[in-house]
Protein backbone atom coordinates (compact mmCIF):
# COMPACT_ATOMS: atom_id res chain seq x y z
CA MET A 1 112.11 84.12 100.99
CA ASP A 2 110.95 83.14 97.40
CA ALA A 3 108.59 80.05 97.57
CA LYS A 4 109.44 77.12 95.33
CA PRO A 5 107.79 77.68 91.91
CA VAL A 6 104.86 75.12 91.26
CA ILE A 7 105.49 73.22 87.89
CA LEU A 8 103.06 70.76 86.56
CA ILE A 9 104.29 67.77 84.38
CA VAL A 10 101.59 65.92 81.92
CA ASP A 11 102.51 62.73 79.86
CA ASP A 12 100.56 59.71 79.67
CA ASP A 13 103.98 57.92 80.07
CA LYS A 14 104.72 57.23 83.54
CA ASN A 15 108.51 56.56 83.25
CA THR A 16 108.96 60.04 81.61
CA ARG A 17 106.39 61.78 83.93
CA GLU A 18 107.81 60.40 87.21
CA GLY A 19 111.74 60.90 85.73
CA LEU A 20 111.00 64.37 85.16
CA GLY A 21 109.46 64.87 88.36
CA LYS A 22 112.37 63.25 90.37
CA ALA A 23 114.76 65.61 88.50
CA LEU A 24 112.91 68.44 89.23
CA HIS A 25 111.74 67.76 92.75
CA SER A 26 114.75 69.68 94.48
CA THR A 27 114.33 73.21 92.80
CA ALA A 28 110.41 73.00 92.64
CA GLU A 29 107.00 71.96 93.77
CA VAL A 30 106.33 69.42 91.27
CA LEU A 31 102.64 67.95 90.20
CA LEU A 32 102.26 65.09 88.24
CA ALA A 33 98.95 64.11 85.61
CA GLU A 34 98.57 61.36 83.45
CA ASN A 35 95.97 63.06 80.99
CA GLY A 36 94.79 66.28 80.34
CA GLU A 37 91.49 66.17 82.31
CA ARG A 38 93.76 65.64 85.27
CA ALA A 39 95.95 68.27 84.37
CA LEU A 40 92.96 70.82 84.41
CA GLU A 41 92.05 69.61 87.71
CA LEU A 42 95.43 70.35 89.27
CA LEU A 43 95.51 73.41 87.33
CA ALA A 44 92.33 74.83 89.22
CA THR A 45 93.39 74.29 92.45
CA HIS A 46 97.18 74.92 92.42
CA PRO A 47 99.25 78.18 91.71
CA VAL A 48 100.95 76.36 88.87
CA ARG A 49 103.63 78.97 87.18
CA ILE A 50 105.10 76.28 84.35
CA MET A 51 103.15 73.26 82.51
CA ILE A 52 105.52 70.60 80.89
CA SER A 53 103.25 68.56 78.55
CA ASP A 54 103.60 65.88 75.99
CA MET A 55 102.03 66.95 72.58
CA ARG A 56 100.56 63.60 71.81
CA MET A 57 98.47 61.95 74.45
CA PRO A 58 95.26 59.52 74.29
CA GLY A 59 92.18 61.66 74.62
CA MET A 60 92.94 65.40 75.02
CA ASP A 61 96.12 66.14 73.28
CA GLY A 62 98.93 68.71 74.25
CA LEU A 63 97.78 71.30 72.11
CA SER A 64 93.86 71.30 73.59
CA LEU A 65 95.07 71.20 76.92
CA MET A 66 97.29 73.83 76.58
CA GLN A 67 94.59 76.19 74.85
CA ARG A 68 92.27 75.32 77.80
CA ALA A 69 95.17 75.92 80.43
CA LEU A 70 95.76 79.55 78.89
CA ALA A 71 92.04 80.32 79.25
CA HIS A 72 92.04 79.22 82.43
CA ALA A 73 95.32 81.07 83.64
CA PRO A 74 96.91 83.63 80.99
CA GLN A 75 100.18 83.82 82.81
CA LEU A 76 100.77 80.29 82.54
CA ALA A 77 104.19 79.15 80.73
CA VAL A 78 103.99 76.21 78.89
CA ILE A 79 106.75 73.91 77.65
CA MET A 80 105.69 71.40 75.08
CA LEU A 81 107.54 67.90 74.56
CA THR A 82 107.46 66.58 70.99
CA ALA A 83 108.75 63.64 69.19
CA TYR A 84 111.92 63.77 67.27
CA GLY A 85 111.55 65.67 63.98
CA SER A 86 108.19 67.17 64.59
CA VAL A 87 108.97 70.36 63.97
CA ASP A 88 105.88 71.52 62.27
CA SER A 89 104.16 70.40 65.56
CA ALA A 90 106.27 72.67 67.47
CA VAL A 91 105.92 75.56 65.54
CA GLU A 92 102.03 75.04 65.77
CA ALA A 93 102.48 74.99 69.46
CA MET A 94 104.32 77.85 69.64
CA LYS A 95 101.60 79.92 67.41
CA ARG A 96 98.93 78.89 70.06
CA GLY A 97 100.72 80.63 72.94
CA ALA A 98 103.62 77.79 73.86
CA SER A 99 106.39 79.47 75.61
CA ASP A 100 108.82 76.85 74.72
CA PHE A 101 109.43 73.15 73.75
CA LEU A 102 111.68 70.50 73.75
CA GLN A 103 112.30 67.08 71.63
CA LYS A 104 112.09 63.88 73.45
CA PRO A 105 114.11 62.48 74.68
CA VAL A 106 114.61 65.34 77.36
CA GLU A 107 117.82 66.53 78.08
CA LEU A 108 117.90 67.55 81.73
CA GLY A 109 120.37 70.24 81.71
CA GLU A 110 118.70 71.91 78.74
CA LEU A 111 115.47 71.49 80.26
CA GLU A 112 116.40 73.05 83.60
CA GLN A 113 117.76 76.10 81.43
CA ARG A 114 114.56 76.41 79.75
CA ILE A 115 112.67 75.88 82.83
CA ALA A 116 114.65 79.12 84.23
CA LYS A 117 113.99 81.04 81.36
CA ALA A 118 110.44 80.57 81.28
CA LEU A 119 110.55 81.18 85.07
CA ARG A 120 112.04 84.86 84.57
CA ALA A 121 109.19 85.44 81.79
CA VAL A 122 106.49 84.78 84.09
CA ARG A 123 107.86 86.78 86.94
CA MET A 124 108.10 89.85 84.69
CA GLU A 125 104.49 89.29 83.44
CA GLU A 126 103.35 88.94 86.85
CA GLU A 127 105.14 92.28 87.97
CA ASN A 128 103.94 93.77 84.83
CA VAL A 129 100.10 92.78 85.61
CA SER A 130 100.43 93.81 89.44
CA LEU A 131 101.99 97.18 88.37
CA LYS A 132 98.95 97.69 85.87
CA GLU A 133 96.15 96.46 88.32
CA GLN A 134 97.78 99.03 90.91
CA LEU A 135 97.53 101.85 88.27
CA ASP A 136 94.08 101.00 86.76
CA GLN A 137 92.63 100.71 90.31
CA LYS A 138 94.51 103.56 91.85
CA PHE A 139 95.47 101.54 95.01
CA GLY A 140 97.42 104.22 96.71
CA MET A 141 96.77 107.80 98.47
CA GLU A 142 95.29 108.85 95.55
CA ASN A 143 91.93 107.06 95.91
CA ILE A 144 91.81 107.87 99.69
CA ILE A 145 89.85 111.32 99.31
CA GLY A 146 89.82 114.02 101.86
CA GLU A 147 91.03 117.31 103.04
CA SER A 148 89.37 117.48 106.58
CA ALA A 149 91.66 117.25 109.27
CA PRO A 150 90.71 113.88 110.74
CA MET A 151 91.64 112.21 106.97
CA ARG A 152 95.03 114.62 107.33
CA GLU A 153 96.04 112.57 110.46
CA VAL A 154 95.14 109.24 108.54
CA PHE A 155 97.47 110.43 105.57
CA ASP A 156 100.49 111.29 108.11
CA ILE A 157 100.37 107.64 109.72
CA ILE A 158 100.13 105.83 106.52
CA ARG A 159 103.18 108.08 105.13
CA GLN A 160 105.10 107.33 108.55
CA ALA A 161 104.07 103.68 108.79
CA ALA A 162 104.01 102.00 105.34
CA PRO A 163 107.75 102.03 104.91
CA THR A 164 108.32 100.06 107.87
CA SER A 165 107.91 96.41 109.11
CA ALA A 166 105.51 97.16 111.48
CA THR A 167 102.23 95.39 111.97
CA ILE A 168 99.27 97.61 111.47
CA LEU A 169 95.65 97.55 112.95
CA ILE A 170 92.99 99.53 110.89
CA GLN A 171 89.91 100.75 112.83
CA GLY A 172 86.88 102.19 111.95
CA GLU A 173 83.11 101.56 110.97
CA SER A 174 82.01 99.58 108.07
CA GLY A 175 82.28 101.05 104.68
CA THR A 176 84.77 104.03 105.94
CA GLY A 177 87.23 102.41 103.24
CA LYS A 178 89.85 100.32 105.61
CA GLU A 179 90.66 98.03 102.60
CA LEU A 180 91.47 101.00 100.62
CA VAL A 181 94.01 102.04 103.72
CA ALA A 182 95.40 98.80 103.85
CA HIS A 183 96.17 98.62 99.93
CA ALA A 184 97.87 102.41 100.23
CA ILE A 185 100.20 100.98 103.07
CA HIS A 186 101.27 98.05 100.59
CA ARG A 187 101.82 100.20 97.85
CA LEU A 188 103.98 102.78 99.65
CA SER A 189 105.84 99.97 101.33
CA THR A 190 109.07 98.11 100.14
CA ARG A 191 107.09 95.13 99.66
CA SER A 192 104.98 96.96 96.99
CA LYS A 193 106.25 94.55 94.35
CA GLY A 194 104.92 91.53 96.06
CA PRO A 195 101.60 90.23 96.44
CA PHE A 196 98.67 91.86 98.42
CA VAL A 197 96.62 89.00 99.67
CA ALA A 198 93.18 89.69 101.42
CA VAL A 199 90.91 87.39 103.27
CA HIS A 200 87.66 88.63 104.95
CA CYS A 201 87.69 86.49 108.16
CA ALA A 202 83.84 86.97 108.86
CA ALA A 203 82.59 85.61 105.34
CA LEU A 204 84.08 82.19 106.33
CA ALA A 205 83.33 79.45 109.13
CA PRO A 206 86.44 78.91 111.67
CA THR A 207 87.40 75.37 109.66
CA LEU A 208 87.31 76.84 106.56
CA LEU A 209 89.12 80.19 107.61
CA GLU A 210 91.99 77.84 109.15
CA SER A 211 92.01 75.71 105.90
CA GLU A 212 92.01 79.22 103.88
CA LEU A 213 94.78 80.87 105.90
CA PHE A 214 97.26 77.94 106.66
CA GLY A 215 96.47 75.67 103.71
CA HIS A 216 95.89 71.85 104.01
CA GLU A 217 97.43 68.68 103.50
CA LYS A 218 96.05 66.06 101.09
CA GLY A 219 93.44 63.84 103.19
CA SER A 220 93.63 65.96 106.27
CA PHE A 221 89.81 65.86 106.23
CA THR A 222 86.68 64.53 104.28
CA GLY A 223 87.20 66.30 100.61
CA ALA A 224 90.65 67.41 101.10
CA THR A 225 91.56 65.46 97.73
CA GLU A 226 94.59 67.58 96.91
CA ARG A 227 97.06 70.01 99.08
CA ARG A 228 95.75 73.38 99.42
CA ILE A 229 98.26 76.14 99.54
CA GLY A 230 96.97 78.80 102.10
CA ARG A 231 96.78 82.59 102.15
CA PHE A 232 99.83 82.86 104.26
CA GLU A 233 101.87 81.38 101.44
CA ARG A 234 100.47 82.95 98.80
CA ALA A 235 101.67 86.51 100.39
CA ASP A 236 105.08 85.35 101.17
CA GLY A 237 107.52 88.16 100.13
CA GLY A 238 104.33 90.75 100.36
CA THR A 239 101.24 91.85 102.60
CA LEU A 240 98.53 89.64 104.20
CA PHE A 241 95.38 91.77 104.68
CA LEU A 242 92.87 90.16 107.47
CA ASP A 243 89.66 92.04 107.51
CA GLU A 244 87.29 91.73 110.27
CA VAL A 245 90.02 90.19 112.36
CA SER A 246 87.71 90.31 115.36
CA GLU A 247 85.58 87.36 114.34
CA VAL A 248 88.48 84.95 114.09
CA ASP A 249 87.95 81.92 116.48
CA PRO A 250 89.81 81.73 119.61
CA GLY A 251 91.63 78.08 118.08
CA ILE A 252 92.86 80.25 115.26
CA GLN A 253 94.23 83.46 117.00
CA THR A 254 96.55 80.90 118.87
CA LYS A 255 97.83 80.09 115.39
CA LEU A 256 97.84 83.47 114.41
CA LEU A 257 100.19 84.26 117.33
CA ARG A 258 102.29 81.75 116.66
CA VAL A 259 102.90 82.98 113.01
CA LEU A 260 103.38 86.66 114.18
CA GLU A 261 106.21 85.31 116.63
CA GLU A 262 108.00 82.62 114.67
CA ARG A 263 107.07 83.22 111.30
CA GLN A 264 106.11 79.87 110.71
CA PHE A 265 103.35 77.60 110.79
CA GLU A 266 102.00 73.86 109.50
CA ARG A 267 99.29 73.17 107.01
CA VAL A 268 96.08 71.71 108.71
CA GLY A 269 96.72 67.74 108.60
CA GLY A 270 100.54 68.75 107.97
CA ARG A 271 103.72 68.14 110.04
CA ALA A 272 106.34 70.05 108.11
CA SER A 273 106.72 73.45 109.46
CA VAL A 274 106.36 76.24 106.59
CA GLU A 275 108.30 79.43 106.92
CA VAL A 276 106.74 82.89 105.45
CA ASP A 277 108.16 86.51 105.06
CA ILE A 278 104.88 88.59 105.37
CA ARG A 279 103.82 91.94 106.63
CA LEU A 280 100.43 91.68 108.29
CA ILE A 281 97.91 94.50 108.25
CA THR A 282 94.50 93.89 110.03
CA ALA A 283 91.11 95.71 109.95
CA THR A 284 87.97 95.65 112.34
CA ASN A 285 84.89 97.74 112.64
CA ARG A 286 84.50 96.75 116.62
CA ASN A 287 86.61 97.51 119.55
CA LEU A 288 89.27 94.92 120.11
CA LYS A 289 90.30 96.35 123.45
CA ALA A 290 86.82 95.61 124.78
CA MET A 291 86.73 92.35 123.58
CA VAL A 292 90.20 91.60 125.31
CA GLU A 293 88.75 92.73 128.53
CA GLU A 294 85.47 90.63 127.93
CA GLY A 295 87.58 87.58 127.35
CA ARG A 296 86.38 87.37 123.69
CA PHE A 297 89.96 88.05 122.06
CA ARG A 298 93.30 86.98 123.14
CA ASN A 299 95.18 89.60 124.82
CA ASP A 300 98.71 88.65 123.80
CA LEU A 301 97.27 88.60 119.94
CA PHE A 302 95.98 92.47 120.47
CA PHE A 303 99.15 93.80 121.46
CA ARG A 304 100.86 91.96 118.56
CA LEU A 305 98.43 93.16 116.12
CA ASP A 306 98.12 97.16 117.67
CA VAL A 307 101.61 97.94 117.10
CA VAL A 308 100.32 100.75 114.96
CA THR A 309 96.95 101.79 114.82
CA VAL A 310 95.01 103.63 112.02
CA THR A 311 91.54 104.87 112.80
CA VAL A 312 89.42 105.61 109.95
CA PRO A 313 86.96 108.37 110.80
CA PRO A 314 83.05 108.00 109.76
CA LEU A 315 81.84 109.97 107.18
CA ARG A 316 79.68 112.10 109.54
CA ASP A 317 82.61 113.24 111.12
CA ARG A 318 84.19 114.72 108.18
CA MET A 319 81.72 116.26 106.05
CA GLU A 320 83.97 118.76 104.85
CA ASP A 321 85.27 115.93 102.17
CA VAL A 322 81.73 115.06 101.17
CA PRO A 323 81.81 117.77 98.11
CA LEU A 324 85.23 116.08 97.17
CA LEU A 325 84.14 112.38 97.20
CA CYS A 326 80.65 113.49 95.43
CA ARG A 327 82.53 115.11 92.30
CA SER A 328 84.94 112.39 92.54
CA LEU A 329 82.50 109.49 92.31
CA LEU A 330 80.55 111.56 90.00
CA ARG A 331 83.49 111.63 87.39
CA GLU A 332 83.98 108.17 87.85
CA PHE A 333 80.46 106.74 87.36
CA ALA A 334 79.98 109.26 84.43
CA GLU A 335 82.95 107.68 82.56
CA LYS A 336 82.11 104.10 83.82
CA ASP A 337 78.66 104.30 82.71
CA ASN A 338 78.88 106.37 79.85
CA ARG A 339 76.74 108.91 81.18
CA ALA A 340 77.15 112.86 80.41
CA VAL A 341 76.67 114.14 83.75
CA ARG A 342 79.11 117.11 84.78
CA ASP A 343 78.19 118.08 87.96
CA LEU A 344 75.56 118.45 90.95
CA THR A 345 73.46 121.39 91.77
CA PRO A 346 73.92 123.24 94.79
CA ASP A 347 70.76 122.30 96.53
CA ALA A 348 71.49 118.67 95.74
CA LEU A 349 74.81 118.73 97.52
CA ASN A 350 73.30 120.67 100.08
CA LEU A 351 71.12 117.91 100.65
CA LEU A 352 73.59 115.48 100.87
CA MET A 353 75.99 116.97 102.95
CA GLN A 354 72.78 117.05 105.92
CA TYR A 355 72.57 113.15 105.61
CA ALA A 356 74.03 111.14 108.31
CA TRP A 357 75.54 108.49 106.33
CA PRO A 358 75.12 105.43 108.34
CA GLY A 359 76.67 103.28 105.70
CA ASN A 360 79.68 105.98 105.19
CA VAL A 361 81.61 106.20 101.95
CA ARG A 362 80.15 102.75 100.61
CA GLU A 363 76.80 104.20 101.02
CA LEU A 364 78.02 107.39 99.29
CA ARG A 365 79.39 105.71 96.45
CA ASN A 366 76.33 103.35 95.87
CA THR A 367 74.06 106.58 95.94
CA ILE A 368 76.23 108.66 93.63
CA GLU A 369 76.16 105.98 90.99
CA ARG A 370 72.38 105.23 91.35
CA MET A 371 71.83 108.94 90.81
CA VAL A 372 74.60 108.91 87.81
CA VAL A 373 72.76 106.26 86.17
CA LEU A 374 69.13 107.24 86.80
CA THR A 375 69.24 111.14 85.88
CA ARG A 376 67.81 112.38 82.85
CA GLY A 377 70.15 115.67 82.73
CA ASP A 378 73.76 116.74 82.83
CA LYS A 379 73.68 117.61 86.58
CA LEU A 380 72.67 115.72 89.15
CA THR A 381 69.64 117.71 90.93
CA LEU A 382 67.62 117.47 94.22
CA ARG A 383 64.94 115.53 92.15
CA ASP A 384 68.04 112.80 91.69
CA VAL A 385 68.72 111.91 95.53
CA PRO A 386 67.00 108.52 96.72
CA PRO A 387 63.70 109.45 98.16
CA ALA A 388 64.91 107.57 101.44
CA ILE A 389 67.82 110.22 102.03
CA ARG A 390 65.31 113.02 101.18
CA ALA A 391 63.06 111.76 103.84
CA SER A 392 65.89 110.99 106.29
CA VAL A 393 66.85 114.67 106.43
CA GLU A 394 63.38 116.13 106.11
CA SER A 395 62.59 114.34 109.39
CA ARG A 396 65.78 115.70 111.22
CA GLY A 397 64.64 119.29 110.11
CA PRO A 398 66.94 122.12 108.93
CA GLN A 399 70.31 121.93 110.48
CA PRO A 400 71.66 125.67 111.66
CA GLY A 401 72.41 128.15 109.14
CA ILE A 402 71.04 126.04 106.38
CA SER A 403 67.60 126.46 104.56
CA LEU A 404 66.40 123.49 102.98
CA SER A 405 62.95 122.64 100.84
CA ILE A 406 62.73 119.11 100.15
CA GLY A 407 59.99 119.65 97.69
CA GLY A 408 62.00 122.69 96.20
CA GLN A 409 59.70 125.31 96.52
CA ALA A 410 61.31 127.37 99.12
CA ALA A 411 64.86 129.06 98.37
CA VAL A 412 68.08 126.92 98.93
CA ARG A 413 71.27 128.34 100.11
CA SER A 414 73.95 127.91 97.61
CA LEU A 415 76.94 125.58 98.92
CA ASP A 416 79.32 128.58 99.61
CA GLU A 417 76.51 130.41 101.70
CA THR A 418 75.61 127.08 103.40
CA GLU A 419 79.59 126.64 104.16
CA LYS A 420 79.76 130.35 105.51
CA MET A 421 77.14 130.17 107.76
CA MET A 422 78.18 126.83 109.31
CA ILE A 423 81.59 128.43 110.10
CA LEU A 424 80.02 131.80 111.44
CA ASN A 425 77.70 129.59 113.56
CA ALA A 426 80.75 127.66 114.76
CA LEU A 427 82.51 130.50 115.68
CA ARG A 428 79.35 132.32 117.66
CA LYS A 429 79.14 128.57 119.58
CA CYS A 430 82.92 129.10 120.22
CA GLU A 431 82.54 132.46 121.44
CA GLY A 432 85.02 133.67 118.61
CA ASN A 433 88.07 131.17 119.31
CA LYS A 434 89.33 130.16 115.95
CA SER A 435 91.28 127.21 116.77
CA LYS A 436 87.69 125.72 118.72
CA ALA A 437 85.51 126.52 115.88
CA ALA A 438 88.35 124.77 113.30
CA GLN A 439 88.19 121.48 115.77
CA GLU A 440 84.03 121.95 115.99
CA LEU A 441 84.20 121.95 111.97
CA GLY A 442 86.88 119.30 111.57
CA ILE A 443 89.19 121.56 109.58
CA SER A 444 92.51 122.90 110.39
CA ARG A 445 92.86 126.42 111.58
CA ARG A 446 94.85 127.29 108.60
CA THR A 447 91.63 126.16 106.35
CA LEU A 448 89.26 128.17 108.66
CA HIS A 449 91.40 131.17 107.85
CA ARG A 450 91.18 130.86 104.40
CA LYS A 451 87.66 130.20 104.16
CA LEU A 452 87.03 133.36 106.05
CA ASN A 453 89.14 135.17 103.55
CA GLN A 454 87.32 133.32 100.79
CA TYR A 455 84.12 134.70 101.84
CA LYS A 456 85.14 137.97 103.58
CA ALA A 457 83.06 136.46 106.48
CA ASP A 458 82.74 139.00 109.67
CA ASP A 459 84.13 136.22 111.88
CA ARG A 460 82.88 138.51 115.24
CA PRO A 461 80.82 136.43 117.20
CA ALA A 462 77.06 137.79 117.94
CA GLY A 463 77.37 140.68 120.53
CA GLY A 464 80.86 141.72 120.17
CA ASP A 465 84.29 141.08 118.64
CA SER A 466 86.80 138.39 118.48
CA THR A 467 88.86 139.92 121.21
CA ALA A 468 88.68 139.37 125.26
CA GLY A 469 90.41 141.47 127.53
CA GLY A 470 92.51 142.99 124.60
CA LYS A 471 93.73 139.38 123.57
CA GLN A 472 92.66 137.67 120.36
CA ASN A 473 91.09 134.31 121.39
CA GLU A 474 92.80 131.54 119.69
């Protein structure tokens, strides 16, 4: 459903102001302001789409108000009201950014036509901005990098679930990219032209979170000087993403359950039910099922959220993707920070592949940006790797099949050599069983065969060939 557009009427004449408000009340949510200062306050706290303002007002005039309003909200449509015969003023207003103008006394039929025209323009602009943001930020599958088996499973679930209306729960450690997955689901869904609204539940106290989610009415609590539209209403027609849903207070869990069941709620301090059409995606880095068993999360809400589950693997479980991620991030930050960095040396990449990455992709992202910014050459070298990461890897000691020297004195294997040794070690460990070795490495059997052909590797385990009893191990 389409929510009523919010229209702000600014006029120092009470009769004009209230008359226009009553005339538009049935088709829009109308806000009234008697001067420019009050209008700016309302613009800062409400999602106003159209402002209708008198040109001549005491204090801040209409042109000054319009300039300040457009600086705050560039997509705002402004219709100026001018006195009869003030053509020059109307032309000046249009030059400075007004969408349209009308002469007083206002003919209501004509005003409604101008509003409809302005709304069409606003909606088109909003769609263009939304599309540009999606393209600029590359929210979609193309921004989730990975070729490992765990990531291919994530991609498959996204492709299957995105076009449906199913509620989705995204699980994964902090820094794994859960919000990127939520954006990808939204972009590939039938709601992609609608808004994507995110709320980070752990960042807000329960009382603030309730108001943030559901909005509040004027006077509902101390400091509630105006009605506030909540995130559920802002997401109407699109997707609402609740990050760290495990931190939601039990009282708000009850209200969330009702919204999912009935698709309606009341604002804080309000009595009227508000209906919304949203798709809910939630995320958590905790075990919700365990929280249910401990009585810290509602069982019925859990089953409402856990319709489709996407589990984003930690980076340590998909180390095959580290080279892809490193090179993609290097290109991104070299362009962003205007640095002439082209690649990583094999020894630097080897070292990064041995680190456990407790902060996952977020930590890798910050590390690569730091390296790009601080390097003095056109390649990231072992010397550019942060000391804490070097110390962590050194304390663990060299991993099987990999020869590393933090100080740079000993020979360091190339990336291809390292990868080959890891594959051969996995085959030995699995006694030549390629299916098990591929699972051990976190890659597909097809990828394993391709790598073996690439390196022309002898895939026989130590002490024998890859057959047992005349039958090849699979």
